[in-house]
């Protein structure tokens, strides 16, 4: 038995595939909104709350949006 697979077809010149699925884009959009909220919280004068919100955006949502 041969375990060789047939070659994959070449991509068509006009077709495009997105690297990220819709779920990824939604999570990344949520990350951007959370970051905006974090910076607005910082400007409002609540640095401790802003730090928590920014960590959530940068350390949780962005990697999650890229990894899934």
C-alpha atoms as a PDB file:
ATOM      1  CA  UNK A   1       0.000   0.000   0.000  1.00  0.00           C
ATOM      2  CA  UNK A   2       1.220   3.407  -0.868  1.00  0.00           C
ATOM      3  CA  UNK A   3       0.679   6.178   1.650  1.00  0.00           C
ATOM      4  CA  UNK A   4       1.325   8.937  -0.880  1.00  0.00           C
ATOM      5  CA  UNK A   5      -1.494  11.448  -1.135  1.00  0.00           C
ATOM      6  CA  UNK A   6      -2.438  13.181  -4.346  1.00  0.00           C
ATOM      7  CA  UNK A   7      -1.191  16.766  -4.587  1.00  0.00           C
ATOM      8  CA  UNK A   8      -3.522  19.490  -3.353  1.00  0.00           C
ATOM      9  CA  UNK A   9      -5.164  21.574  -6.049  1.00  0.00           C
ATOM     10  CA  UNK A  10      -3.619  24.970  -6.702  1.00  0.00           C
ATOM     11  CA  UNK A  11      -5.643  27.947  -5.454  1.00  0.00           C
ATOM     12  CA  UNK A  12      -7.622  29.867  -8.031  1.00  0.00           C
ATOM     13  CA  UNK A  13      -6.213  33.310  -8.757  1.00  0.00           C
ATOM     14  CA  UNK A  14      -9.388  35.210  -7.832  1.00  0.00           C
ATOM     15  CA  UNK A  15     -10.378  33.289  -4.702  1.00  0.00           C
ATOM     16  CA  UNK A  16      -9.495  34.561  -1.241  1.00  0.00           C
ATOM     17  CA  UNK A  17      -9.714  32.787   2.071  1.00  0.00           C
ATOM     18  CA  UNK A  18      -9.695  34.647   5.338  1.00  0.00           C
ATOM     19  CA  UNK A  19      -7.216  33.424   7.894  1.00  0.00           C
ATOM     20  CA  UNK A  20      -9.587  34.164  10.752  1.00  0.00           C
ATOM     21  CA  UNK A  21     -13.124  32.862  11.082  1.00  0.00           C
ATOM     22  CA  UNK A  22     -16.121  34.962  12.034  1.00  0.00           C
ATOM     23  CA  UNK A  23     -15.832  33.831  15.669  1.00  0.00           C
ATOM     24  CA  UNK A  24     -12.236  35.088  15.802  1.00  0.00           C
ATOM     25  CA  UNK A  25     -13.202  38.444  14.362  1.00  0.00           C
ATOM     26  CA  UNK A  26     -16.027  38.840  16.882  1.00  0.00           C
ATOM     27  CA  UNK A  27     -13.687  38.087  19.786  1.00  0.00           C
ATOM     28  CA  UNK A  28     -11.098  40.528  18.431  1.00  0.00           C
ATOM     29  CA  UNK A  29     -13.779  43.202  18.021  1.00  0.00           C
ATOM     30  CA  UNK A  30     -14.824  42.599  21.630  1.00  0.00           C
ATOM     31  CA  UNK A  31     -11.172  42.945  22.650  1.00  0.00           C
ATOM     32  CA  UNK A  32     -10.952  46.331  20.945  1.00  0.00           C
ATOM     33  CA  UNK A  33     -14.141  47.489  22.686  1.00  0.00           C
ATOM     34  CA  UNK A  34     -12.819  46.304  26.050  1.00  0.00           C
ATOM     35  CA  UNK A  35      -9.557  48.154  25.467  1.00  0.00           C
ATOM     36  CA  UNK A  36     -11.403  51.358  24.611  1.00  0.00           C
ATOM     37  CA  UNK A  37     -13.469  50.941  27.780  1.00  0.00           C
ATOM     38  CA  UNK A  38     -10.268  50.369  29.764  1.00  0.00           C
ATOM     39  CA  UNK A  39      -8.612  53.514  28.489  1.00  0.00           C
ATOM     40  CA  UNK A  40     -11.792  55.538  29.081  1.00  0.00           C
ATOM     41  CA  UNK A  41     -11.868  54.174  32.632  1.00  0.00           C
ATOM     42  CA  UNK A  42      -8.250  55.226  33.061  1.00  0.00           C
ATOM     43  CA  UNK A  43      -9.002  58.737  31.822  1.00  0.00           C
ATOM     44  CA  UNK A  44     -11.980  58.907  34.190  1.00  0.00           C
ATOM     45  CA  UNK A  45      -9.607  58.448  37.125  1.00  0.00           C
ATOM     46  CA  UNK A  46     -10.018  54.813  38.135  1.00  0.00           C
ATOM     47  CA  UNK A  47      -6.579  53.312  37.525  1.00  0.00           C
ATOM     48  CA  UNK A  48      -7.163  50.036  39.404  1.00  0.00           C
ATOM     49  CA  UNK A  49     -10.337  49.218  37.494  1.00  0.00           C
ATOM     50  CA  UNK A  50      -8.697  50.289  34.249  1.00  0.00           C
ATOM     51  CA  UNK A  51      -5.772  47.951  34.881  1.00  0.00           C
ATOM     52  CA  UNK A  52      -8.107  44.986  35.334  1.00  0.00           C
ATOM     53  CA  UNK A  53     -10.064  45.848  32.187  1.00  0.00           C
ATOM     54  CA  UNK A  54      -6.919  46.372  30.107  1.00  0.00           C
ATOM     55  CA  UNK A  55      -5.395  43.086  31.281  1.00  0.00           C
ATOM     56  CA  UNK A  56      -8.635  41.357  30.298  1.00  0.00           C
ATOM     57  CA  UNK A  57      -8.407  42.875  26.829  1.00  0.00           C
ATOM     58  CA  UNK A  58      -4.696  42.374  26.191  1.00  0.00           C
ATOM     59  CA  UNK A  59      -4.005  39.112  28.022  1.00  0.00           C
ATOM     60  CA  UNK A  60      -7.279  37.228  27.586  1.00  0.00           C
ATOM     61  CA  UNK A  61      -9.368  38.416  24.659  1.00  0.00           C
ATOM     62  CA  UNK A  62      -6.672  39.171  22.077  1.00  0.00           C
ATOM     63  CA  UNK A  63      -4.872  35.821  22.472  1.00  0.00           C
ATOM     64  CA  UNK A  64      -8.211  34.028  22.597  1.00  0.00           C
ATOM     65  CA  UNK A  65      -9.316  35.728  19.402  1.00  0.00           C
ATOM     66  CA  UNK A  66      -6.144  34.698  17.622  1.00  0.00           C
ATOM     67  CA  UNK A  67      -5.937  31.159  18.995  1.00  0.00           C
ATOM     68  CA  UNK A  68      -9.487  29.951  18.408  1.00  0.00           C
END
